[in-house]
Amino acid sequence: MEKERLNSETDNPKELIKSAEQYAKKFGIKVNSNKKIANGIIDGLLRNKRDKGDIYCPCRVVTGNKEKDDEITCPCVFHRGEIELQKHCHCNLFVGGE
């Protein structure tokens, strides 16, 4: 099964935030309502795309191992467990839906 991803084809912050909102709605979570935080994470994702080749989570370390690094493309494989435990993912882009 292929991992669900945000739209990594765009370089437009508004399109990427829209993709994050669509993803969040689909899975019963939300994008952080604090626009400063959300936009900062989106900027970090786009910076990683430009500098490292993909929308890697800005709060994770890119190793250079494509298979391992695929786990940290947004949304990373860790976000659901983090939201369940602490009500938000590590970078704070996604938060619990309640």
PDB file of N, CA and C in Angstrom:
ATOM      1  N   MET A   1       0.845  -1.193   0.000  1.00  0.00           N
ATOM      2  CA  MET A   1       0.000   0.000   0.000  1.00  0.00           C
ATOM      3  C   MET A   1       0.879   1.241   0.000  1.00  0.00           C
ATOM      4  N   GLU A   2       0.591   2.140  -0.902  1.00  0.00           N
ATOM      5  CA  GLU A   2       1.382   3.363  -1.014  1.00  0.00           C
ATOM      6  C   GLU A   2       0.985   4.370   0.061  1.00  0.00           C
ATOM      7  N   LYS A   3       1.975   5.048   0.572  1.00  0.00           N
ATOM      8  CA  LYS A   3       1.763   6.058   1.609  1.00  0.00           C
ATOM      9  C   LYS A   3       0.997   7.257   1.046  1.00  0.00           C
ATOM     10  N   GLU A   4       0.045   7.740   1.804  1.00  0.00           N
ATOM     11  CA  GLU A   4      -0.704   8.953   1.445  1.00  0.00           C
ATOM     12  C   GLU A   4       0.233  10.152   1.582  1.00  0.00           C
ATOM     13  N   ARG A   5       0.281  11.005   0.586  1.00  0.00           N
ATOM     14  CA  ARG A   5       1.206  12.141   0.589  1.00  0.00           C
ATOM     15  C   ARG A   5       0.471  13.444   0.310  1.00  0.00           C
ATOM     16  N   LEU A   6       1.116  14.517   0.711  1.00  0.00           N
ATOM     17  CA  LEU A   6       0.642  15.837   0.289  1.00  0.00           C
ATOM     18  C   LEU A   6       1.091  16.040  -1.148  1.00  0.00           C
ATOM     19  N   ASN A   7       0.592  17.073  -1.787  1.00  0.00           N
ATOM     20  CA  ASN A   7       0.954  17.380  -3.168  1.00  0.00           C
ATOM     21  C   ASN A   7       2.387  17.888  -3.223  1.00  0.00           C
ATOM     22  N   SER A   8       3.315  16.981  -3.505  1.00  0.00           N
ATOM     23  CA  SER A   8       4.728  17.360  -3.551  1.00  0.00           C
ATOM     24  C   SER A   8       5.127  17.944  -4.899  1.00  0.00           C
ATOM     25  N   GLU A   9       4.169  18.064  -5.805  1.00  0.00           N
ATOM     26  CA  GLU A   9       4.460  18.618  -7.133  1.00  0.00           C
ATOM     27  C   GLU A   9       4.438  20.147  -7.143  1.00  0.00           C
ATOM     28  N   THR A  10       3.860  20.742  -6.126  1.00  0.00           N
ATOM     29  CA  THR A  10       3.699  22.194  -6.116  1.00  0.00           C
ATOM     30  C   THR A  10       4.857  22.898  -5.418  1.00  0.00           C
ATOM     31  N   ASP A  11       5.108  24.114  -5.836  1.00  0.00           N
ATOM     32  CA  ASP A  11       6.043  25.002  -5.146  1.00  0.00           C
ATOM     33  C   ASP A  11       5.283  26.174  -4.522  1.00  0.00           C
ATOM     34  N   ASN A  12       3.967  26.115  -4.582  1.00  0.00           N
ATOM     35  CA  ASN A  12       3.108  27.190  -4.110  1.00  0.00           C
ATOM     36  C   ASN A  12       2.638  26.900  -2.681  1.00  0.00           C
ATOM     37  N   PRO A  13       2.981  27.757  -1.715  1.00  0.00           N
ATOM     38  CA  PRO A  13       2.582  27.514  -0.325  1.00  0.00           C
ATOM     39  C   PRO A  13       1.073  27.369  -0.137  1.00  0.00           C
ATOM     40  N   LYS A  14       0.278  28.158  -0.851  1.00  0.00           N
ATOM     41  CA  LYS A  14      -1.177  28.083  -0.706  1.00  0.00           C
ATOM     42  C   LYS A  14      -1.710  26.736  -1.191  1.00  0.00           C
ATOM     43  N   GLU A  15      -1.145  26.220  -2.265  1.00  0.00           N
ATOM     44  CA  GLU A  15      -1.562  24.913  -2.771  1.00  0.00           C
ATOM     45  C   GLU A  15      -1.156  23.800  -1.806  1.00  0.00           C
ATOM     46  N   LEU A  16       0.013  23.932  -1.196  1.00  0.00           N
ATOM     47  CA  LEU A  16       0.472  22.909  -0.266  1.00  0.00           C
ATOM     48  C   LEU A  16      -0.367  22.919   1.011  1.00  0.00           C
ATOM     49  N   ILE A  17      -0.733  24.082   1.495  1.00  0.00           N
ATOM     50  CA  ILE A  17      -1.594  24.146   2.682  1.00  0.00           C
ATOM     51  C   ILE A  17      -2.975  23.573   2.354  1.00  0.00           C
ATOM     52  N   LYS A  18      -3.472  23.826   1.150  1.00  0.00           N
ATOM     53  CA  LYS A  18      -4.755  23.256   0.724  1.00  0.00           C
ATOM     54  C   LYS A  18      -4.663  21.729   0.678  1.00  0.00           C
ATOM     55  N   SER A  19      -3.557  21.207   0.191  1.00  0.00           N
ATOM     56  CA  SER A  19      -3.343  19.768   0.159  1.00  0.00           C
ATOM     57  C   SER A  19      -3.316  19.202   1.582  1.00  0.00           C
ATOM     58  N   ALA A  20      -2.667  19.908   2.508  1.00  0.00           N
ATOM     59  CA  ALA A  20      -2.622  19.483   3.915  1.00  0.00           C
ATOM     60  C   ALA A  20      -4.022  19.489   4.520  1.00  0.00           C
ATOM     61  N   GLU A  21      -4.808  20.495   4.195  1.00  0.00           N
ATOM     62  CA  GLU A  21      -6.180  20.578   4.714  1.00  0.00           C
ATOM     63  C   GLU A  21      -7.039  19.433   4.178  1.00  0.00           C
ATOM     64  N   GLN A  22      -6.875  19.094   2.904  1.00  0.00           N
ATOM     65  CA  GLN A  22      -7.629  17.982   2.317  1.00  0.00           C
ATOM     66  C   GLN A  22      -7.229  16.664   2.971  1.00  0.00           C
ATOM     67  N   TYR A  23      -5.931  16.486   3.170  1.00  0.00           N
ATOM     68  CA  TYR A  23      -5.444  15.279   3.838  1.00  0.00           C
ATOM     69  C   TYR A  23      -6.030  15.190   5.253  1.00  0.00           C
ATOM     70  N   ALA A  24      -5.938  16.277   5.994  1.00  0.00           N
ATOM     71  CA  ALA A  24      -6.412  16.298   7.377  1.00  0.00           C
ATOM     72  C   ALA A  24      -7.904  15.952   7.449  1.00  0.00           C
ATOM     73  N   LYS A  25      -8.690  16.551   6.588  1.00  0.00           N
ATOM     74  CA  LYS A  25     -10.134  16.298   6.577  1.00  0.00           C
ATOM     75  C   LYS A  25     -10.417  14.822   6.315  1.00  0.00           C
ATOM     76  N   LYS A  26      -9.687  14.243   5.392  1.00  0.00           N
ATOM     77  CA  LYS A  26      -9.869  12.840   5.031  1.00  0.00           C
ATOM     78  C   LYS A  26      -9.616  11.916   6.224  1.00  0.00           C
ATOM     79  N   PHE A  27      -8.694  12.303   7.101  1.00  0.00           N
ATOM     80  CA  PHE A  27      -8.303  11.434   8.211  1.00  0.00           C
ATOM     81  C   PHE A  27      -8.780  11.916   9.581  1.00  0.00           C
ATOM     82  N   GLY A  28      -9.695  12.877   9.604  1.00  0.00           N
ATOM     83  CA  GLY A  28     -10.300  13.303  10.858  1.00  0.00           C
ATOM     84  C   GLY A  28      -9.380  14.080  11.781  1.00  0.00           C
ATOM     85  N   ILE A  29      -8.412  14.758  11.189  1.00  0.00           N
ATOM     86  CA  ILE A  29      -7.520  15.630  11.960  1.00  0.00           C
ATOM     87  C   ILE A  29      -7.634  17.027  11.372  1.00  0.00           C
ATOM     88  N   LYS A  30      -6.823  17.956  11.845  1.00  0.00           N
ATOM     89  CA  LYS A  30      -6.874  19.327  11.333  1.00  0.00           C
ATOM     90  C   LYS A  30      -5.472  19.865  11.113  1.00  0.00           C
ATOM     91  N   VAL A  31      -5.388  20.866  10.261  1.00  0.00           N
ATOM     92  CA  VAL A  31      -4.162  21.653  10.139  1.00  0.00           C
ATOM     93  C   VAL A  31      -4.183  22.653  11.277  1.00  0.00           C
ATOM     94  N   ASN A  32      -3.060  22.885  11.881  1.00  0.00           N
ATOM     95  CA  ASN A  32      -2.953  23.823  13.001  1.00  0.00           C
ATOM     96  C   ASN A  32      -3.624  25.147  12.629  1.00  0.00           C
ATOM     97  N   SER A  33      -4.518  25.619  13.473  1.00  0.00           N
ATOM     98  CA  SER A  33      -5.242  26.861  13.190  1.00  0.00           C
ATOM     99  C   SER A  33      -4.367  28.101  13.388  1.00  0.00           C
ATOM    100  N   ASN A  34      -3.217  27.941  14.037  1.00  0.00           N
ATOM    101  CA  ASN A  34      -2.272  29.041  14.177  1.00  0.00           C
ATOM    102  C   ASN A  34      -1.543  29.195  12.840  1.00  0.00           C
ATOM    103  N   LYS A  35      -1.950  30.183  12.069  1.00  0.00           N
ATOM    104  CA  LYS A  35      -1.428  30.372  10.705  1.00  0.00           C
ATOM    105  C   LYS A  35       0.080  30.600  10.683  1.00  0.00           C
ATOM    106  N   LYS A  36       0.611  31.267  11.702  1.00  0.00           N
ATOM    107  CA  LYS A  36       2.052  31.511  11.751  1.00  0.00           C
ATOM    108  C   LYS A  36       2.817  30.183  11.835  1.00  0.00           C
ATOM    109  N   ILE A  37       2.343  29.276  12.679  1.00  0.00           N
ATOM    110  CA  ILE A  37       2.983  27.959  12.805  1.00  0.00           C
ATOM    111  C   ILE A  37       2.799  27.162  11.517  1.00  0.00           C
ATOM    112  N   ALA A  38       1.558  27.073  11.042  1.00  0.00           N
ATOM    113  CA  ALA A  38       1.273  26.281   9.840  1.00  0.00           C
ATOM    114  C   ALA A  38       2.066  26.791   8.635  1.00  0.00           C
ATOM    115  N   ASN A  39       2.084  28.104   8.441  1.00  0.00           N
ATOM    116  CA  ASN A  39       2.818  28.662   7.305  1.00  0.00           C
ATOM    117  C   ASN A  39       4.323  28.455   7.450  1.00  0.00           C
ATOM    118  N   GLY A  40       4.833  28.493   8.690  1.00  0.00           N
ATOM    119  CA  GLY A  40       6.253  28.233   8.917  1.00  0.00           C
ATOM    120  C   GLY A  40       6.632  26.806   8.545  1.00  0.00           C
ATOM    121  N   ILE A  41       5.772  25.856   8.882  1.00  0.00           N
ATOM    122  CA  ILE A  41       6.020  24.457   8.522  1.00  0.00           C
ATOM    123  C   ILE A  41       5.928  24.272   7.010  1.00  0.00           C
ATOM    124  N   ILE A  42       4.943  24.883   6.397  1.00  0.00           N
ATOM    125  CA  ILE A  42       4.806  24.814   4.929  1.00  0.00           C
ATOM    126  C   ILE A  42       6.065  25.379   4.268  1.00  0.00           C
ATOM    127  N   ASP A  43       6.554  26.506   4.756  1.00  0.00           N
ATOM    128  CA  ASP A  43       7.798  27.077   4.215  1.00  0.00           C
ATOM    129  C   ASP A  43       8.959  26.094   4.368  1.00  0.00           C
ATOM    130  N   GLY A  44       9.026  25.416   5.527  1.00  0.00           N
ATOM    131  CA  GLY A  44      10.081  24.428   5.753  1.00  0.00           C
ATOM    132  C   GLY A  44       9.968  23.241   4.812  1.00  0.00           C
ATOM    133  N   LEU A  45       8.743  22.785   4.556  1.00  0.00           N
ATOM    134  CA  LEU A  45       8.536  21.690   3.610  1.00  0.00           C
ATOM    135  C   LEU A  45       9.011  22.081   2.217  1.00  0.00           C
ATOM    136  N   LEU A  46       8.659  23.295   1.792  1.00  0.00           N
ATOM    137  CA  LEU A  46       9.060  23.755   0.461  1.00  0.00           C
ATOM    138  C   LEU A  46      10.566  24.006   0.376  1.00  0.00           C
ATOM    139  N   ARG A  47      11.160  24.454   1.461  1.00  0.00           N
ATOM    140  CA  ARG A  47      12.619  24.637   1.497  1.00  0.00           C
ATOM    141  C   ARG A  47      13.321  23.275   1.368  1.00  0.00           C
ATOM    142  N   ASN A  48      12.794  22.270   2.079  1.00  0.00           N
ATOM    143  CA  ASN A  48      13.371  20.930   1.961  1.00  0.00           C
ATOM    144  C   ASN A  48      13.189  20.370   0.565  1.00  0.00           C
ATOM    145  N   LYS A  49      12.057  20.658  -0.060  1.00  0.00           N
ATOM    146  CA  LYS A  49      11.846  20.204  -1.440  1.00  0.00           C
ATOM    147  C   LYS A  49      12.908  20.824  -2.349  1.00  0.00           C
ATOM    148  N   ARG A  50      13.118  22.108  -2.181  1.00  0.00           N
ATOM    149  CA  ARG A  50      14.097  22.815  -3.012  1.00  0.00           C
ATOM    150  C   ARG A  50      15.524  22.326  -2.733  1.00  0.00           C
ATOM    151  N   ASP A  51      15.857  22.185  -1.454  1.00  0.00           N
ATOM    152  CA  ASP A  51      17.245  21.886  -1.079  1.00  0.00           C
ATOM    153  C   ASP A  51      17.567  20.397  -1.015  1.00  0.00           C
ATOM    154  N   LYS A  52      16.551  19.566  -0.708  1.00  0.00           N
ATOM    155  CA  LYS A  52      16.818  18.145  -0.473  1.00  0.00           C
ATOM    156  C   LYS A  52      16.026  17.210  -1.378  1.00  0.00           C
ATOM    157  N   GLY A  53      15.152  17.783  -2.207  1.00  0.00           N
ATOM    158  CA  GLY A  53      14.495  16.981  -3.222  1.00  0.00           C
ATOM    159  C   GLY A  53      13.091  16.485  -2.934  1.00  0.00           C
ATOM    160  N   ASP A  54      12.585  16.703  -1.719  1.00  0.00           N
ATOM    161  CA  ASP A  54      11.219  16.263  -1.422  1.00  0.00           C
ATOM    162  C   ASP A  54      10.704  17.064  -0.233  1.00  0.00           C
ATOM    163  N   ILE A  55       9.417  16.928   0.044  1.00  0.00           N
ATOM    164  CA  ILE A  55       8.803  17.691   1.141  1.00  0.00           C
ATOM    165  C   ILE A  55       9.004  16.953   2.464  1.00  0.00           C
ATOM    166  N   TYR A  56      10.258  16.829   2.852  1.00  0.00           N
ATOM    167  CA  TYR A  56      10.595  16.182   4.117  1.00  0.00           C
ATOM    168  C   TYR A  56      10.170  17.071   5.279  1.00  0.00           C
ATOM    169  N   CYS A  57       9.682  16.418   6.333  1.00  0.00           N
ATOM    170  CA  CYS A  57       9.280  17.130   7.537  1.00  0.00           C
ATOM    171  C   CYS A  57      10.465  17.984   8.018  1.00  0.00           C
ATOM    172  N   PRO A  58      10.243  19.269   8.260  1.00  0.00           N
ATOM    173  CA  PRO A  58      11.349  20.141   8.659  1.00  0.00           C
ATOM    174  C   PRO A  58      11.876  19.860  10.065  1.00  0.00           C
ATOM    175  N   CYS A  59      11.188  19.042  10.843  1.00  0.00           N
ATOM    176  CA  CYS A  59      11.686  18.749  12.191  1.00  0.00           C
ATOM    177  C   CYS A  59      12.307  17.354  12.269  1.00  0.00           C
ATOM    178  N   ARG A  60      12.581  16.759  11.129  1.00  0.00           N
ATOM    179  CA  ARG A  60      13.233  15.442  11.075  1.00  0.00           C
ATOM    180  C   ARG A  60      14.553  15.585  10.308  1.00  0.00           C
ATOM    181  N   VAL A  61      15.454  14.656  10.537  1.00  0.00           N
ATOM    182  CA  VAL A  61      16.766  14.687   9.885  1.00  0.00           C
ATOM    183  C   VAL A  61      16.740  13.808   8.640  1.00  0.00           C
ATOM    184  N   VAL A  62      17.069  14.400   7.501  1.00  0.00           N
ATOM    185  CA  VAL A  62      17.168  13.669   6.250  1.00  0.00           C
ATOM    186  C   VAL A  62      18.507  12.934   6.254  1.00  0.00           C
ATOM    187  N   THR A  63      18.459  11.597   6.020  1.00  0.00           N
ATOM    188  CA  THR A  63      19.658  10.769   6.137  1.00  0.00           C
ATOM    189  C   THR A  63      20.397  10.565   4.823  1.00  0.00           C
ATOM    190  N   GLY A  64      19.679  10.714   3.706  1.00  0.00           N
ATOM    191  CA  GLY A  64      20.271  10.395   2.414  1.00  0.00           C
ATOM    192  C   GLY A  64      19.891   9.001   1.948  1.00  0.00           C
ATOM    193  N   ASN A  65      19.292   8.186   2.817  1.00  0.00           N
ATOM    194  CA  ASN A  65      18.801   6.862   2.478  1.00  0.00           C
ATOM    195  C   ASN A  65      17.352   7.036   2.011  1.00  0.00           C
ATOM    196  N   LYS A  66      17.119   6.914   0.711  1.00  0.00           N
ATOM    197  CA  LYS A  66      15.808   7.216   0.116  1.00  0.00           C
ATOM    198  C   LYS A  66      14.672   6.440   0.788  1.00  0.00           C
ATOM    199  N   GLU A  67      14.883   5.153   1.053  1.00  0.00           N
ATOM    200  CA  GLU A  67      13.826   4.345   1.662  1.00  0.00           C
ATOM    201  C   GLU A  67      13.498   4.843   3.071  1.00  0.00           C
ATOM    202  N   LYS A  68      14.513   5.121   3.861  1.00  0.00           N
ATOM    203  CA  LYS A  68      14.307   5.625   5.220  1.00  0.00           C
ATOM    204  C   LYS A  68      13.728   7.043   5.186  1.00  0.00           C
ATOM    205  N   ASP A  69      14.245   7.871   4.303  1.00  0.00           N
ATOM    206  CA  ASP A  69      13.774   9.262   4.219  1.00  0.00           C
ATOM    207  C   ASP A  69      12.340   9.358   3.715  1.00  0.00           C
ATOM    208  N   ASP A  70      11.887   8.353   2.967  1.00  0.00           N
ATOM    209  CA  ASP A  70      10.497   8.368   2.506  1.00  0.00           C
ATOM    210  C   ASP A  70       9.531   8.381   3.694  1.00  0.00           C
ATOM    211  N   GLU A  71       9.972   7.846   4.837  1.00  0.00           N
ATOM    212  CA  GLU A  71       9.141   7.835   6.046  1.00  0.00           C
ATOM    213  C   GLU A  71       8.898   9.241   6.594  1.00  0.00           C
ATOM    214  N   ILE A  72       9.762  10.186   6.240  1.00  0.00           N
ATOM    215  CA  ILE A  72       9.635  11.536   6.800  1.00  0.00           C
ATOM    216  C   ILE A  72       9.151  12.562   5.787  1.00  0.00           C
ATOM    217  N   THR A  73       8.628  12.084   4.629  1.00  0.00           N
ATOM    218  CA  THR A  73       7.939  13.024   3.751  1.00  0.00           C
ATOM    219  C   THR A  73       6.585  13.309   4.380  1.00  0.00           C
ATOM    220  N   CYS A  74       6.121  14.512   4.215  1.00  0.00           N
ATOM    221  CA  CYS A  74       4.898  14.947   4.873  1.00  0.00           C
ATOM    222  C   CYS A  74       3.670  14.349   4.193  1.00  0.00           C
ATOM    223  N   PRO A  75       2.776  13.770   4.960  1.00  0.00           N
ATOM    224  CA  PRO A  75       2.815  13.554   6.393  1.00  0.00           C
ATOM    225  C   PRO A  75       3.694  12.354   6.729  1.00  0.00           C
ATOM    226  N   CYS A  76       4.550  12.505   7.713  1.00  0.00           N
ATOM    227  CA  CYS A  76       5.491  11.441   8.066  1.00  0.00           C
ATOM    228  C   CYS A  76       4.743  10.257   8.670  1.00  0.00           C
ATOM    229  N   VAL A  77       5.410   9.117   8.711  1.00  0.00           N
ATOM    230  CA  VAL A  77       4.773   7.903   9.234  1.00  0.00           C
ATOM    231  C   VAL A  77       4.504   7.992  10.733  1.00  0.00           C
ATOM    232  N   PHE A  78       5.091   8.954  11.405  1.00  0.00           N
ATOM    233  CA  PHE A  78       4.964   9.072  12.848  1.00  0.00           C
ATOM    234  C   PHE A  78       3.781   9.950  13.292  1.00  0.00           C
ATOM    235  N   HIS A  79       3.206  10.731  12.386  1.00  0.00           N
ATOM    236  CA  HIS A  79       2.263  11.777  12.790  1.00  0.00           C
ATOM    237  C   HIS A  79       1.009  11.255  13.483  1.00  0.00           C
ATOM    238  N   ARG A  80       0.465  10.141  13.048  1.00  0.00           N
ATOM    239  CA  ARG A  80      -0.783   9.651  13.660  1.00  0.00           C
ATOM    240  C   ARG A  80      -0.567   9.248  15.115  1.00  0.00           C
ATOM    241  N   GLY A  81       0.517   8.538  15.389  1.00  0.00           N
ATOM    242  CA  GLY A  81       0.817   8.154  16.763  1.00  0.00           C
ATOM    243  C   GLY A  81       1.093   9.365  17.641  1.00  0.00           C
ATOM    244  N   GLU A  82       1.789  10.342  17.086  1.00  0.00           N
ATOM    245  CA  GLU A  82       2.081  11.562  17.844  1.00  0.00           C
ATOM    246  C   GLU A  82       0.803  12.332  18.161  1.00  0.00           C
ATOM    247  N   ILE A  83      -0.094  12.414  17.195  1.00  0.00           N
ATOM    248  CA  ILE A  83      -1.366  13.110  17.421  1.00  0.00           C
ATOM    249  C   ILE A  83      -2.170  12.374  18.490  1.00  0.00           C
ATOM    250  N   GLU A  84      -2.159  11.055  18.431  1.00  0.00           N
ATOM    251  CA  GLU A  84      -2.885  10.274  19.425  1.00  0.00           C
ATOM    252  C   GLU A  84      -2.324  10.509  20.835  1.00  0.00           C
ATOM    253  N   LEU A  85      -0.999  10.573  20.952  1.00  0.00           N
ATOM    254  CA  LEU A  85      -0.369  10.727  22.263  1.00  0.00           C
ATOM    255  C   LEU A  85      -0.345  12.154  22.786  1.00  0.00           C
ATOM    256  N   GLN A  86      -0.023  13.111  21.887  1.00  0.00           N
ATOM    257  CA  GLN A  86       0.189  14.488  22.360  1.00  0.00           C
ATOM    258  C   GLN A  86      -0.717  15.515  21.707  1.00  0.00           C
ATOM    259  N   LYS A  87      -1.683  15.058  20.923  1.00  0.00           N
ATOM    260  CA  LYS A  87      -2.701  15.911  20.290  1.00  0.00           C
ATOM    261  C   LYS A  87      -2.174  16.752  19.123  1.00  0.00           C
ATOM    262  N   HIS A  88      -0.918  16.535  18.737  1.00  0.00           N
ATOM    263  CA  HIS A  88      -0.348  17.191  17.557  1.00  0.00           C
ATOM    264  C   HIS A  88       0.857  16.394  17.085  1.00  0.00           C
ATOM    265  N   CYS A  89       1.195  16.540  15.813  1.00  0.00           N
ATOM    266  CA  CYS A  89       2.395  15.879  15.325  1.00  0.00           C
ATOM    267  C   CYS A  89       3.620  16.672  15.791  1.00  0.00           C
ATOM    268  N   HIS A  90       4.786  16.085  15.654  1.00  0.00           N
ATOM    269  CA  HIS A  90       6.008  16.684  16.182  1.00  0.00           C
ATOM    270  C   HIS A  90       6.233  18.119  15.678  1.00  0.00           C
ATOM    271  N   CYS A  91       6.003  18.349  14.404  1.00  0.00           N
ATOM    272  CA  CYS A  91       6.257  19.698  13.860  1.00  0.00           C
ATOM    273  C   CYS A  91       5.098  20.657  14.100  1.00  0.00           C
ATOM    274  N   ASN A  92       3.944  20.111  14.524  1.00  0.00           N
ATOM    275  CA  ASN A  92       2.779  20.930  14.857  1.00  0.00           C
ATOM    276  C   ASN A  92       1.952  21.357  13.637  1.00  0.00           C
ATOM    277  N   LEU A  93       2.184  20.748  12.484  1.00  0.00           N
ATOM    278  CA  LEU A  93       1.344  21.081  11.325  1.00  0.00           C
ATOM    279  C   LEU A  93      -0.048  20.467  11.499  1.00  0.00           C
ATOM    280  N   PHE A  94      -0.104  19.215  11.950  1.00  0.00           N
ATOM    281  CA  PHE A  94      -1.370  18.524  12.129  1.00  0.00           C
ATOM    282  C   PHE A  94      -1.693  18.392  13.610  1.00  0.00           C
ATOM    283  N   VAL A  95      -2.979  18.598  13.919  1.00  0.00           N
ATOM    284  CA  VAL A  95      -3.448  18.498  15.305  1.00  0.00           C
ATOM    285  C   VAL A  95      -4.683  17.600  15.346  1.00  0.00           C
ATOM    286  N   GLY A  96      -5.008  17.141  16.546  1.00  0.00           N
ATOM    287  CA  GLY A  96      -6.189  16.292  16.716  1.00  0.00           C
ATOM    288  C   GLY A  96      -7.453  16.994  16.243  1.00  0.00           C
ATOM    289  N   GLY A  97      -8.400  16.205  15.803  1.00  0.00           N
ATOM    290  CA  GLY A  97      -9.613  16.745  15.191  1.00  0.00           C
ATOM    291  C   GLY A  97     -10.703  17.187  16.144  1.00  0.00           C
ATOM    292  N   GLU A  98     -10.599  16.853  17.410  1.00  0.00           N
ATOM    293  CA  GLU A  98     -11.689  17.223  18.315  1.00  0.00           C
ATOM    294  C   GLU A  98     -11.603  18.644  18.801  1.00  0.00           C
TER     295      GLU A  98
END
